[in-house]
Amino acid sequence: MALNKLAIDALDLKDKRVLMRVDFNVPLKEGKITNTQRITAALPTIKYALDNGAKSVVLMSHLGRPDGRKQDKYSMLPVKGELDKLLGKPVTFLSDCVGPEVESACASPAPGTVLLLENLRFHVEEEGKGVDAEGNKVKADKAAVDAFRASLSKLGDVYVNDAFGTAHRAHSSMVGCQLSQRASGFLLKKELTYFAKALVSPERPFLAILGGAKVADKIQLIENMLDKVNEMIIGGGMAFTFLKVLNNMEIGSSLYDEEGAKIVQKLVDKAKANNVTITLPVDVVTGDKFAENAAVGQATVESGIPAGSMLSQRASGFLLKKELTYFAKALVSPERPFLAILEAKVADKIQLIENMLDKVNEMIIGGGMAFTFLKVLNNMEGILQNAAVGQATVESGIPAGSMGLDVGEKSIAMFAEVIGRAKTIVWNGPPGVFEFANFSKGTKSMMDAVVKATQGGATSIIGGGDTATCAAKYNTEDKVSHVSTGGGASLELLEGKDLPGVAALSDA
């Protein structure tokens, strides 16, 4: 997709009302903001508009997941107080984001006014779908969506988007404000500038460092990057699937992606055809258990909960009556909020999960099943903390009952050599369980190598998500070229997909 988009510093803002989509999705505890980083990050764009004569700046954002209905705990009001302090001037808070009253308040404000709209996601028309108070799924009517977007568009003369983290969502505030000039803010401009350096005109050699749990989840990413890079390092959980398929390595209880295994050879063949060198670990650090003080041989994420661990009670008389009574209370006429707590293997519980999602308001997922969700959604590579530590190589394999949780010393040295010769580096996914000290050395060493390469003139891009967390953990956010603020958005960009929020902007 085209990444050369109109930016705010190319606009004439004098006497213009600037409608600005920001990302103020900040963490709250008891109604108080616990981390203001996202608000602080938006200040340069807001201040630029004010300093360059904007008549007003109208800020709009989502906060949390209110599912298309007003919920006080997701109000933007706490953000107003923080903005007052950070901007050094009072911000006008509006109790809605669309409608006649909002349109009137934004029509002709005093010069230099900053207005903050209420949570966009209080309206089902923002995302196009939601959940009603009874827990039923609802879909927005097209005419209502059009009216919602039309009302938003009346609030400004020019549109500025500075919310890269939501750029992969075709939400109304991202794609529906059809003002004649639609520009990026400074945060979004920086994202597009650096991703263009990598994906459009990279300095070579171009290296991609990819981690993650499953090959199947990253196939689009791998395939797209194989068309662009010169070298690729594959680490994390998915490395074990490659090693088992290509080297017949014994991987013990390490994650093995059966579906992904079917496409490994295809990916390797594409790499050869494109003259791309793929580097895999040659040695790994292993652990013998996945829970604190667990004995060797207990169930893993892959094996799930052993047979016989699930409830199988079959009773008669008063016991059965009691069962039916309470299940009816939950499944037929529950008092809300209705919470479900589930565990076991995802595949075993698909029907249960799908059925409960139609009934509950909230769901806690634990047990072995949680690890599968964590791996897929958060790229969480490891699941043990106080495990006994061991070493294994491709030749020796990983013994039964153990799993690979980090790369070993030889792999660290080999990866550093590959990183050292790269001129453009895109990193998405850590090579090990950096959250735990025993299995963090591979990730820390890789970060050190990327920082060193950056100091030597390479362009380095950290692709959001867990890898951005690594940069924060090791205090390297200002030592690499760019740390992306959008996990899902950056991943989709690297996969070669169009981002609706970017495509909606005016071309430069």
Protein backbone atom coordinates (compact mmCIF):
# COMPACT_ATOMS: atom_id res chain seq x y z
CA MET A 1 0.00 0.00 0.00
CA ALA A 2 1.05 3.62 -0.52
CA LEU A 3 2.69 5.04 2.60
CA ASN A 4 3.41 8.53 1.26
CA LYS A 5 0.53 10.40 2.89
CA LEU A 6 -0.30 14.02 3.61
CA ALA A 7 1.03 15.09 7.03
CA ILE A 8 -0.08 17.80 9.44
CA ASP A 9 3.03 19.92 8.84
CA ALA A 10 1.98 20.29 5.18
CA LEU A 11 -1.40 21.81 6.10
CA ASP A 12 -2.42 25.45 6.44
CA LEU A 13 -4.14 25.30 9.83
CA LYS A 14 -4.77 29.01 10.41
CA ASP A 15 -8.35 29.57 11.58
CA LYS A 16 -9.19 25.93 10.83
CA ARG A 17 -11.05 23.56 13.12
CA VAL A 18 -8.85 20.46 13.40
CA LEU A 19 -10.71 17.19 13.99
CA MET A 20 -8.05 14.88 15.42
CA ARG A 21 -8.27 11.11 16.00
CA VAL A 22 -5.89 10.26 18.83
CA ASP A 23 -5.22 7.14 20.89
CA PHE A 24 -6.18 7.93 24.48
CA ASN A 25 -6.96 4.30 25.31
CA VAL A 26 -5.18 4.65 28.65
CA PRO A 27 -5.21 2.21 31.58
CA LEU A 28 -7.54 3.19 34.43
CA LYS A 29 -7.78 2.02 38.03
CA GLU A 30 -10.70 3.20 40.14
CA GLY A 31 -11.30 6.01 37.65
CA LYS A 32 -7.71 7.26 37.71
CA ILE A 33 -5.19 7.03 34.87
CA THR A 34 -2.23 4.81 35.78
CA ASN A 35 -0.09 5.52 32.71
CA THR A 36 -0.26 8.77 30.73
CA GLN A 37 2.20 7.78 27.99
CA ARG A 38 -0.38 7.74 25.20
CA ILE A 39 -1.66 11.19 26.13
CA THR A 40 1.86 12.59 26.37
CA ALA A 41 2.75 11.08 22.99
CA ALA A 42 -0.08 13.02 21.30
CA LEU A 43 0.95 16.41 22.70
CA PRO A 44 3.38 17.42 19.91
CA THR A 45 0.64 17.06 17.28
CA ILE A 46 -1.94 18.89 19.41
CA LYS A 47 0.46 21.71 20.28
CA TYR A 48 1.58 22.05 16.66
CA ALA A 49 -2.01 22.67 15.59
CA LEU A 50 -2.51 25.29 18.30
CA ASP A 51 0.85 26.97 17.65
CA ASN A 52 0.05 27.21 13.96
CA GLY A 53 -3.18 29.12 14.37
CA ALA A 54 -5.82 26.41 14.51
CA LYS A 55 -9.16 27.85 15.59
CA SER A 56 -9.86 24.70 17.59
CA VAL A 57 -8.65 21.16 18.11
CA VAL A 58 -11.39 18.56 18.57
CA LEU A 59 -9.96 15.36 20.05
CA MET A 60 -11.70 12.02 19.61
CA SER A 61 -10.67 8.60 20.88
CA HIS A 62 -11.90 5.28 22.16
CA LEU A 63 -11.21 3.91 25.63
CA GLY A 64 -11.63 0.25 26.53
CA ARG A 65 -14.32 -2.00 25.10
CA PRO A 66 -17.74 -0.60 26.02
CA ASP A 67 -19.29 -2.63 23.16
CA GLY A 68 -21.31 0.19 21.65
CA ARG A 69 -23.14 1.41 24.73
CA LYS A 70 -22.47 4.09 27.34
CA GLN A 71 -20.67 2.78 30.42
CA ASP A 72 -19.36 5.31 32.93
CA LYS A 73 -16.24 3.29 33.72
CA TYR A 74 -15.07 3.89 30.14
CA SER A 75 -15.71 7.63 30.11
CA MET A 76 -13.05 9.95 28.66
CA LEU A 77 -13.60 12.39 31.55
CA PRO A 78 -10.42 11.36 33.45
CA VAL A 79 -8.43 12.15 30.30
CA LYS A 80 -9.78 15.72 30.35
CA GLY A 81 -8.18 16.35 33.75
CA GLU A 82 -4.82 15.03 32.55
CA LEU A 83 -4.97 17.12 29.37
CA ASP A 84 -5.73 20.25 31.43
CA LYS A 85 -2.44 19.74 33.29
CA LEU A 86 -0.32 18.72 30.30
CA LEU A 87 -1.53 21.52 28.02
CA GLY A 88 -1.59 24.13 30.77
CA LYS A 89 -5.07 25.25 29.76
CA PRO A 90 -8.65 24.07 30.35
CA VAL A 91 -10.00 21.53 27.90
CA THR A 92 -13.72 21.52 27.12
CA PHE A 93 -15.25 18.08 27.69
CA LEU A 94 -18.34 17.12 25.71
CA SER A 95 -20.63 14.41 27.06
CA ASP A 96 -21.13 12.83 23.64
CA CYS A 97 -19.20 12.59 20.38
CA VAL A 98 -21.97 13.18 17.83
CA GLY A 99 -25.35 14.88 17.63
CA PRO A 100 -26.75 18.43 17.50
CA GLU A 101 -25.32 19.56 20.86
CA VAL A 102 -21.82 18.40 19.98
CA GLU A 103 -22.05 19.92 16.50
CA SER A 104 -23.17 23.23 18.02
CA ALA A 105 -20.32 23.24 20.57
CA CYS A 106 -17.75 22.63 17.82
CA ALA A 107 -19.25 24.98 15.22
CA SER A 108 -17.63 28.26 16.26
CA PRO A 109 -15.50 27.92 19.39
CA ALA A 110 -13.22 30.64 20.73
CA PRO A 111 -9.80 30.66 19.01
CA GLY A 112 -7.39 28.17 20.57
CA THR A 113 -10.10 26.00 22.11
CA VAL A 114 -9.35 22.32 22.75
CA LEU A 115 -12.40 20.06 22.98
CA LEU A 116 -12.44 16.41 24.04
CA LEU A 117 -15.31 14.22 22.85
CA GLU A 118 -16.79 11.40 24.89
CA ASN A 119 -15.77 7.81 24.07
CA LEU A 120 -16.41 7.01 20.39
CA ARG A 121 -17.20 3.40 21.25
CA PHE A 122 -20.23 4.41 23.32
CA HIS A 123 -21.92 4.27 19.90
CA VAL A 124 -22.23 0.96 18.07
CA GLU A 125 -21.75 2.90 14.83
CA GLU A 126 -18.04 3.45 15.58
CA GLU A 127 -17.03 -0.21 15.26
CA GLY A 128 -20.14 -1.34 13.40
CA LYS A 129 -21.07 -3.94 16.00
CA GLY A 130 -21.42 -4.33 19.74
CA VAL A 131 -23.21 -6.07 22.60
CA ASP A 132 -26.39 -4.86 24.28
CA ALA A 133 -27.01 -4.72 28.04
CA GLU A 134 -28.44 -8.26 27.96
CA GLY A 135 -25.30 -9.63 26.33
CA ASN A 136 -26.80 -10.01 22.85
CA LYS A 137 -24.67 -9.20 19.82
CA VAL A 138 -25.89 -6.21 17.84
CA LYS A 139 -24.93 -4.85 14.44
CA ALA A 140 -25.06 -1.21 13.43
CA ASP A 141 -27.56 -0.14 10.80
CA LYS A 142 -25.86 1.25 7.67
CA ALA A 143 -27.97 4.40 7.67
CA ALA A 144 -27.06 4.99 11.32
CA VAL A 145 -23.37 4.50 10.54
CA ASP A 146 -23.61 7.02 7.71
CA ALA A 147 -25.33 9.52 10.03
CA PHE A 148 -22.68 8.95 12.73
CA ARG A 149 -19.88 9.61 10.25
CA ALA A 150 -21.63 12.67 8.84
CA SER A 151 -21.98 14.14 12.33
CA LEU A 152 -18.29 13.56 13.10
CA SER A 153 -17.33 15.22 9.82
CA LYS A 154 -19.18 18.40 10.84
CA LEU A 155 -16.84 18.89 13.83
CA GLY A 156 -13.79 20.04 11.86
CA ASP A 157 -12.49 21.62 8.68
CA VAL A 158 -9.48 19.32 8.36
CA TYR A 159 -8.96 15.78 9.67
CA VAL A 160 -5.79 14.55 11.37
CA ASN A 161 -5.18 10.93 12.38
CA ASP A 162 -2.51 10.22 14.99
CA ALA A 163 -3.77 6.80 16.14
CA PHE A 164 -1.57 4.23 14.39
CA GLY A 165 -2.55 1.52 16.88
CA THR A 166 -6.07 1.52 15.43
CA ALA A 167 -5.09 2.07 11.79
CA HIS A 168 -5.84 -1.55 10.88
CA ARG A 169 -9.49 -1.10 11.90
CA ALA A 170 -12.05 0.27 9.43
CA HIS A 171 -13.86 2.12 12.21
CA SER A 172 -15.92 5.22 11.53
CA SER A 173 -13.46 7.65 13.13
CA MET A 174 -10.63 6.12 11.09
CA VAL A 175 -12.21 5.99 7.63
CA GLY A 176 -15.50 7.88 7.76
CA CYS A 177 -14.52 11.52 8.19
CA GLN A 178 -14.71 12.66 4.59
CA LEU A 179 -13.17 16.10 4.93
CA SER A 180 -11.23 17.34 1.91
CA GLN A 181 -7.86 17.22 3.70
CA ARG A 182 -7.05 14.12 5.75
CA ALA A 183 -3.53 14.11 7.17
CA SER A 184 -1.36 12.14 9.56
CA GLY A 185 -0.20 13.54 12.88
CA PHE A 186 3.43 13.32 13.91
CA LEU A 187 3.11 9.88 15.55
CA LEU A 188 1.49 8.33 12.49
CA LYS A 189 3.88 10.18 10.17
CA LYS A 190 6.86 8.65 11.99
CA GLU A 191 5.36 5.16 11.73
CA LEU A 192 4.78 5.55 7.99
CA THR A 193 8.23 7.07 7.43
CA TYR A 194 10.07 4.18 9.06
CA PHE A 195 7.94 1.41 7.61
CA ALA A 196 8.42 2.99 4.18
CA LYS A 197 12.18 2.88 4.76
CA ALA A 198 11.91 -0.86 5.34
CA LEU A 199 9.13 -1.95 3.01
CA VAL A 200 9.50 0.46 0.09
CA SER A 201 13.16 1.49 -0.16
CA PRO A 202 15.29 -0.48 2.33
CA GLU A 203 19.04 -0.13 2.56
CA ARG A 204 20.51 -3.60 2.15
CA PRO A 205 21.22 -6.15 3.51
CA PHE A 206 17.65 -6.16 4.84
CA LEU A 207 17.05 -8.50 7.81
CA ALA A 208 13.74 -9.62 9.34
CA ILE A 209 13.79 -11.14 12.84
CA LEU A 210 10.59 -13.09 13.45
CA GLY A 211 9.31 -14.84 16.55
CA GLY A 212 5.96 -16.11 17.67
CA ALA A 213 4.27 -19.32 18.65
CA LYS A 214 2.90 -20.81 15.45
CA VAL A 215 4.08 -20.84 11.85
CA ALA A 216 0.47 -20.91 10.64
CA ASP A 217 -0.25 -17.64 12.47
CA LYS A 218 2.71 -15.92 10.80
CA ILE A 219 2.50 -17.37 7.29
CA GLN A 220 1.40 -14.08 5.69
CA LEU A 221 4.14 -12.23 7.54
CA ILE A 222 6.84 -14.72 6.54
CA GLU A 223 5.69 -14.96 2.92
CA ASN A 224 5.50 -11.19 2.47
CA MET A 225 8.88 -10.58 4.10
CA LEU A 226 10.50 -13.30 1.95
CA ASP A 227 9.67 -11.08 -1.03
CA LYS A 228 11.53 -8.15 0.52
CA VAL A 229 14.44 -9.22 2.74
CA ASN A 230 17.91 -10.64 2.18
CA GLU A 231 18.08 -12.54 5.46
CA MET A 232 15.62 -13.84 8.03
CA ILE A 233 16.11 -15.06 11.59
CA ILE A 234 13.32 -17.29 12.88
CA GLY A 235 13.14 -17.75 16.65
CA GLY A 236 10.54 -18.14 19.37
CA GLY A 237 8.15 -21.05 19.54
CA MET A 238 7.78 -21.44 15.79
CA ALA A 239 11.50 -22.20 15.39
CA PHE A 240 10.86 -25.67 16.84
CA THR A 241 8.41 -26.52 14.08
CA PHE A 242 11.02 -25.53 11.49
CA LEU A 243 13.73 -27.53 13.29
CA LYS A 244 11.59 -30.64 13.56
CA VAL A 245 10.54 -30.54 9.90
CA LEU A 246 13.91 -29.57 8.41
CA ASN A 247 16.33 -31.31 10.80
CA ASN A 248 14.14 -34.03 12.28
CA MET A 249 15.14 -32.61 15.66
CA GLU A 250 13.61 -34.11 18.78
CA ILE A 251 11.87 -31.17 20.41
CA GLY A 252 10.50 -32.80 23.56
CA SER A 253 7.52 -30.88 24.86
CA SER A 254 8.32 -27.73 22.87
CA LEU A 255 5.51 -26.24 20.86
CA TYR A 256 4.95 -28.08 17.56
CA ASP A 257 2.59 -26.48 15.08
CA GLU A 258 1.12 -29.35 13.07
CA GLU A 259 -0.67 -27.11 10.60
CA GLY A 260 2.34 -24.87 10.25
CA ALA A 261 4.57 -27.88 9.68
CA LYS A 262 2.76 -28.52 6.40
CA ILE A 263 3.95 -25.20 4.95
CA VAL A 264 7.52 -25.09 6.29
CA GLN A 265 9.03 -26.66 3.16
CA LYS A 266 7.03 -24.30 0.94
CA LEU A 267 8.45 -21.32 2.85
CA VAL A 268 11.98 -22.69 2.63
CA ASP A 269 11.58 -23.25 -1.11
CA LYS A 270 10.40 -19.65 -1.53
CA ALA A 271 13.41 -18.43 0.44
CA LYS A 272 15.75 -20.36 -1.85
CA ALA A 273 14.00 -19.04 -4.96
CA ASN A 274 14.33 -15.46 -3.66
CA ASN A 275 17.93 -16.01 -2.49
CA VAL A 276 16.94 -15.30 1.13
CA THR A 277 19.06 -16.87 3.88
CA ILE A 278 17.03 -18.24 6.81
CA THR A 279 18.87 -18.62 10.12
CA LEU A 280 17.45 -20.93 12.80
CA PRO A 281 18.71 -21.62 16.33
CA VAL A 282 21.35 -24.34 16.62
CA ASP A 283 21.10 -24.73 20.39
CA VAL A 284 18.42 -23.95 22.97
CA VAL A 285 17.95 -23.48 26.69
CA THR A 286 15.37 -25.92 28.05
CA GLY A 287 13.10 -26.16 31.06
CA ASP A 288 11.60 -29.29 32.58
CA LYS A 289 8.24 -27.96 33.68
CA PHE A 290 5.70 -25.29 32.97
CA ALA A 291 4.50 -24.48 36.47
CA GLU A 292 6.33 -23.53 39.64
CA ASN A 293 7.66 -26.67 41.38
CA ALA A 294 5.84 -28.98 38.95
CA ALA A 295 7.23 -32.48 38.54
CA VAL A 296 8.73 -33.57 35.23
CA GLY A 297 6.17 -35.19 32.97
CA GLN A 298 3.12 -33.13 33.91
CA ALA A 299 0.87 -31.90 31.11
CA THR A 300 2.02 -29.21 28.71
CA VAL A 301 0.02 -26.69 26.70
CA GLU A 302 0.11 -29.12 23.79
CA SER A 303 -1.13 -32.10 25.82
CA GLY A 304 -3.69 -30.07 27.70
CA ILE A 305 -5.35 -31.35 30.86
CA PRO A 306 -5.06 -35.15 31.22
CA ALA A 307 -8.06 -37.35 30.54
CA GLY A 308 -10.11 -37.82 33.68
CA SER A 309 -9.57 -34.29 34.96
CA MET A 310 -12.91 -33.00 33.73
CA LEU A 311 -16.17 -33.15 35.61
CA SER A 312 -18.20 -36.31 34.90
CA GLN A 313 -20.62 -36.47 37.81
CA ARG A 314 -23.90 -38.26 37.10
CA ALA A 315 -26.37 -38.08 39.96
CA SER A 316 -30.02 -38.79 40.64
CA GLY A 317 -32.76 -37.49 42.87
CA PHE A 318 -32.13 -34.28 44.80
CA LEU A 319 -28.56 -33.98 43.54
CA LEU A 320 -29.66 -33.95 39.91
CA LYS A 321 -32.46 -31.53 40.73
CA LYS A 322 -29.96 -29.17 42.33
CA GLU A 323 -27.69 -29.35 39.27
CA LEU A 324 -30.51 -28.52 36.88
CA THR A 325 -31.79 -25.71 39.08
CA TYR A 326 -28.46 -23.93 39.22
CA PHE A 327 -27.59 -24.48 35.56
CA ALA A 328 -30.98 -23.02 34.66
CA LYS A 329 -30.14 -19.97 36.78
CA ALA A 330 -26.99 -19.52 34.72
CA LEU A 331 -28.06 -20.57 31.23
CA VAL A 332 -31.72 -19.57 31.11
CA SER A 333 -32.20 -16.57 33.38
CA PRO A 334 -28.84 -15.37 34.72
CA GLU A 335 -28.47 -12.34 36.94
CA ARG A 336 -25.97 -10.05 35.24
CA PRO A 337 -23.05 -9.45 34.89
CA PHE A 338 -22.61 -13.14 33.95
CA LEU A 339 -19.02 -14.48 34.17
CA ALA A 340 -17.67 -17.78 32.76
CA ILE A 341 -14.32 -19.22 33.92
CA LEU A 342 -12.95 -21.80 31.47
CA GLU A 343 -9.85 -24.00 31.15
CA ALA A 344 -8.50 -27.05 29.24
CA LYS A 345 -7.57 -27.31 25.53
CA VAL A 346 -9.11 -24.81 23.09
CA ALA A 347 -9.95 -27.47 20.50
CA ASP A 348 -11.81 -29.51 23.13
CA LYS A 349 -13.83 -26.51 24.24
CA ILE A 350 -14.75 -24.78 20.95
CA GLN A 351 -18.48 -25.46 21.31
CA LEU A 352 -18.41 -24.48 24.99
CA ILE A 353 -16.59 -21.21 24.31
CA GLU A 354 -18.81 -20.29 21.34
CA ASN A 355 -21.99 -21.06 23.27
CA MET A 356 -20.89 -19.15 26.36
CA LEU A 357 -19.85 -16.14 24.26
CA ASP A 358 -23.52 -15.89 23.27
CA LYS A 359 -24.58 -15.80 26.92
CA VAL A 360 -22.00 -14.19 29.19
CA ASN A 361 -20.83 -10.62 29.74
CA GLU A 362 -17.29 -11.54 30.77
CA MET A 363 -15.04 -14.59 30.44
CA ILE A 364 -11.87 -15.65 32.26
CA ILE A 365 -9.74 -18.19 30.37
CA GLY A 366 -7.23 -20.14 32.45
CA GLY A 367 -5.55 -23.51 32.69
CA GLY A 368 -3.74 -25.02 29.72
CA MET A 369 -6.10 -23.27 27.33
CA ALA A 370 -4.82 -19.87 28.49
CA PHE A 371 -1.36 -20.64 27.16
CA THR A 372 -2.72 -21.21 23.66
CA PHE A 373 -4.57 -17.87 23.77
CA LEU A 374 -1.47 -16.12 25.15
CA LYS A 375 0.75 -17.57 22.45
CA VAL A 376 -1.62 -16.62 19.62
CA LEU A 377 -2.75 -13.20 20.89
CA ASN A 378 0.33 -11.95 22.72
CA ASN A 379 3.15 -13.94 21.16
CA MET A 380 3.83 -15.26 24.68
CA GLU A 381 6.57 -17.76 24.03
CA GLY A 382 7.03 -19.43 27.41
CA ILE A 383 5.00 -20.81 30.24
CA LEU A 384 7.31 -21.56 33.14
CA GLN A 385 9.29 -19.52 35.59
CA ASN A 386 11.09 -21.67 38.15
CA ALA A 387 11.92 -24.57 35.85
CA ALA A 388 15.17 -26.50 35.96
CA VAL A 389 17.41 -25.17 33.22
CA GLY A 390 19.13 -27.37 30.65
CA GLN A 391 20.92 -27.15 27.32
CA ALA A 392 20.19 -28.86 24.02
CA THR A 393 21.45 -28.73 20.44
CA VAL A 394 19.85 -29.63 17.14
CA GLU A 395 21.89 -32.83 17.12
CA SER A 396 21.13 -33.88 20.69
CA GLY A 397 17.50 -32.81 20.57
CA ILE A 398 15.35 -31.87 23.54
CA PRO A 399 14.55 -34.76 25.88
CA ALA A 400 10.99 -35.83 26.51
CA GLY A 401 9.46 -33.80 29.31
CA SER A 402 11.54 -30.70 28.53
CA MET A 403 10.82 -27.79 26.24
CA GLY A 404 12.90 -25.14 24.54
CA LEU A 405 12.39 -21.71 26.10
CA ASP A 406 15.34 -19.70 24.83
CA VAL A 407 18.19 -19.86 22.36
CA GLY A 408 21.64 -21.02 23.46
CA GLU A 409 25.09 -19.43 23.35
CA LYS A 410 25.97 -20.63 19.84
CA SER A 411 22.69 -19.28 18.48
CA ILE A 412 23.23 -15.96 20.27
CA ALA A 413 26.64 -15.57 18.62
CA MET A 414 25.29 -16.62 15.21
CA PHE A 415 22.33 -14.22 15.41
CA ALA A 416 24.65 -11.35 16.45
CA GLU A 417 26.77 -11.97 13.35
CA VAL A 418 23.71 -11.84 11.07
CA ILE A 419 22.40 -8.69 12.77
CA GLY A 420 25.82 -7.06 12.60
CA ARG A 421 25.91 -7.10 8.80
CA ALA A 422 22.35 -5.80 8.29
CA LYS A 423 21.61 -2.23 7.21
CA THR A 424 17.83 -2.45 7.70
CA ILE A 425 16.32 -4.52 10.53
CA VAL A 426 12.66 -5.27 11.23
CA TRP A 427 12.09 -7.24 14.44
CA ASN A 428 8.74 -8.81 15.30
CA GLY A 429 8.75 -11.40 18.09
CA PRO A 430 11.35 -12.29 20.77
CA PRO A 431 13.46 -15.49 20.54
CA GLY A 432 12.73 -16.66 24.09
CA VAL A 433 10.74 -16.17 27.27
CA PHE A 434 12.27 -12.82 28.15
CA GLU A 435 9.81 -12.36 31.04
CA PHE A 436 11.72 -14.97 33.08
CA ALA A 437 15.36 -14.43 34.05
CA ASN A 438 16.52 -17.97 33.21
CA PHE A 439 15.22 -17.66 29.65
CA SER A 440 15.85 -13.98 28.86
CA LYS A 441 19.48 -14.03 27.74
CA GLY A 442 18.70 -14.72 24.09
CA THR A 443 16.32 -11.77 23.84
CA LYS A 444 18.61 -9.41 25.78
CA SER A 445 21.59 -10.40 23.62
CA MET A 446 19.55 -9.93 20.45
CA MET A 447 18.49 -6.47 21.64
CA ASP A 448 22.13 -5.60 22.38
CA ALA A 449 23.09 -6.68 18.86
CA VAL A 450 20.30 -4.59 17.30
CA VAL A 451 21.34 -1.54 19.34
CA LYS A 452 24.97 -2.02 18.26
CA ALA A 453 23.93 -2.30 14.61
CA THR A 454 21.85 0.88 14.97
CA GLN A 455 24.82 2.72 16.43
CA GLY A 456 26.75 1.54 13.38
CA GLY A 457 24.27 3.19 11.02
CA ALA A 458 21.59 0.53 10.49
CA THR A 459 17.89 1.42 10.52
CA SER A 460 16.13 -0.70 13.16
CA ILE A 461 12.37 -1.02 13.56
CA ILE A 462 10.76 -2.79 16.51
CA GLY A 463 7.39 -4.06 15.30
CA GLY A 464 5.22 -3.43 18.35
CA GLY A 465 3.68 -6.02 20.67
CA ASP A 466 6.00 -8.15 22.79
CA THR A 467 9.09 -6.84 21.04
CA ALA A 468 8.16 -3.29 22.02
CA THR A 469 7.79 -4.58 25.58
CA CYS A 470 11.35 -5.92 25.31
CA ALA A 471 12.61 -2.49 24.28
CA ALA A 472 10.89 -0.92 27.28
CA LYS A 473 12.22 -3.62 29.62
CA TYR A 474 15.81 -3.12 28.48
CA ASN A 475 15.55 0.70 28.18
CA THR A 476 16.45 0.69 24.50
CA GLU A 477 13.48 2.60 23.08
CA ASP A 478 15.75 5.57 22.30
CA LYS A 479 18.64 3.36 21.15
CA VAL A 480 16.88 1.83 18.15
CA SER A 481 15.57 3.80 15.19
CA HIS A 482 11.86 3.27 15.83
CA VAL A 483 9.60 1.36 18.22
CA SER A 484 6.15 0.99 16.69
CA THR A 485 3.15 1.94 18.81
CA GLY A 486 0.81 -0.44 17.00
CA GLY A 487 1.12 -4.18 17.55
CA GLY A 488 -1.72 -5.34 15.31
CA ALA A 489 -1.31 -2.47 12.86
CA SER A 490 2.42 -3.00 12.40
CA LEU A 491 1.94 -6.75 11.98
CA GLU A 492 -0.66 -6.26 9.25
CA LEU A 493 1.57 -3.72 7.51
CA LEU A 494 4.45 -6.21 7.54
CA GLU A 495 2.08 -8.86 6.20
CA GLY A 496 1.52 -6.67 3.16
CA LYS A 497 -2.04 -5.71 4.02
CA ASP A 498 -3.62 -2.32 3.47
CA LEU A 499 -4.39 -0.41 6.67
CA PRO A 500 -7.83 1.22 6.31
CA GLY A 501 -6.89 4.15 8.53
CA VAL A 502 -3.84 4.90 6.39
CA ALA A 503 -5.55 4.30 3.05
CA ALA A 504 -8.22 6.86 4.07
CA LEU A 505 -5.66 9.68 4.33
CA SER A 506 -4.99 12.10 1.49
CA ASP A 507 -1.94 11.35 -0.63
CA ALA A 508 1.02 13.66 -0.17
